[in-house]
Amino acid sequence: MANLSELELQNLRHLIGGYDTTHCKMKAYADCAQDEKVRQFFEKGAKSAMENKRVLMDFLG
């Protein structure tokens, strides 16, 4: 991994936190959805947010 500046690390932390928040919200919306297509839409969004978070975490590791 290349040396990252403090600002770059803060930006990554912000992005990771944002994806975590998005995942939680999308999962909650999916749990409340009564329409199957809407539920699937939010579940797909939650999964995508978690995958993006994992990619960023892997970059740091």
Protein backbone atom coordinates (compact mmCIF):
# COMPACT_ATOMS: atom_id res chain seq x y z
CA MET A 1 0.00 0.00 0.00
CA ALA A 2 1.24 3.46 -0.83
CA ASN A 3 1.79 5.92 1.97
CA LEU A 4 -1.40 7.86 2.50
CA SER A 5 -1.65 11.36 3.85
CA GLU A 6 -3.77 12.14 6.88
CA LEU A 7 -6.35 13.79 4.63
CA GLU A 8 -6.56 10.70 2.42
CA LEU A 9 -7.06 8.49 5.48
CA GLN A 10 -9.78 10.81 6.76
CA ASN A 11 -11.50 10.68 3.36
CA LEU A 12 -11.37 6.88 3.38
CA ARG A 13 -12.78 6.81 6.90
CA HIS A 14 -15.59 9.11 5.78
CA LEU A 15 -16.38 6.92 2.74
CA ILE A 16 -16.32 3.72 4.79
CA GLY A 17 -18.64 5.24 7.38
CA GLY A 18 -20.96 6.44 4.64
CA TYR A 19 -21.19 2.99 3.11
CA ASP A 20 -21.88 1.52 6.54
CA THR A 21 -24.69 4.02 7.13
CA THR A 22 -26.10 3.39 3.66
CA HIS A 23 -26.07 -0.36 4.27
CA CYS A 24 -27.96 0.01 7.55
CA LYS A 25 -30.56 2.35 6.06
CA MET A 26 -31.11 0.24 2.95
CA LYS A 27 -31.48 -2.89 5.07
CA ALA A 28 -34.03 -1.14 7.30
CA TYR A 29 -35.97 0.08 4.24
CA ALA A 30 -35.94 -3.44 2.81
CA ASP A 31 -37.24 -4.87 6.07
CA CYS A 32 -40.17 -2.40 6.00
CA ALA A 33 -41.01 -2.77 2.32
CA GLN A 34 -44.20 -4.62 1.50
CA ASP A 35 -43.69 -4.75 -2.25
CA GLU A 36 -41.30 -7.51 -3.32
CA LYS A 37 -39.62 -5.44 -6.03
CA VAL A 38 -39.05 -2.54 -3.64
CA ARG A 39 -37.64 -4.93 -1.04
CA GLN A 40 -35.28 -6.44 -3.60
CA PHE A 41 -34.18 -2.98 -4.73
CA PHE A 42 -33.20 -1.98 -1.20
CA GLU A 43 -31.56 -5.34 -0.47
CA LYS A 44 -29.45 -4.94 -3.61
CA GLY A 45 -28.46 -1.45 -2.48
CA ALA A 46 -27.54 -2.73 0.98
CA LYS A 47 -25.42 -5.50 -0.51
CA SER A 48 -23.68 -3.08 -2.85
CA ALA A 49 -22.87 -0.68 0.00
CA MET A 50 -21.38 -3.52 2.07
CA GLU A 51 -19.28 -4.70 -0.88
CA ASN A 52 -17.97 -1.18 -1.44
CA LYS A 53 -17.11 -0.88 2.25
CA ARG A 54 -15.28 -4.22 2.12
CA VAL A 55 -13.25 -3.12 -0.91
CA LEU A 56 -12.15 0.06 0.87
CA MET A 57 -11.32 -1.88 4.05
CA ASP A 58 -9.28 -4.38 2.00
CA PHE A 59 -7.38 -1.45 0.49
CA LEU A 60 -6.34 -0.38 3.98
CA GLY A 61 -5.39 -3.88 5.07
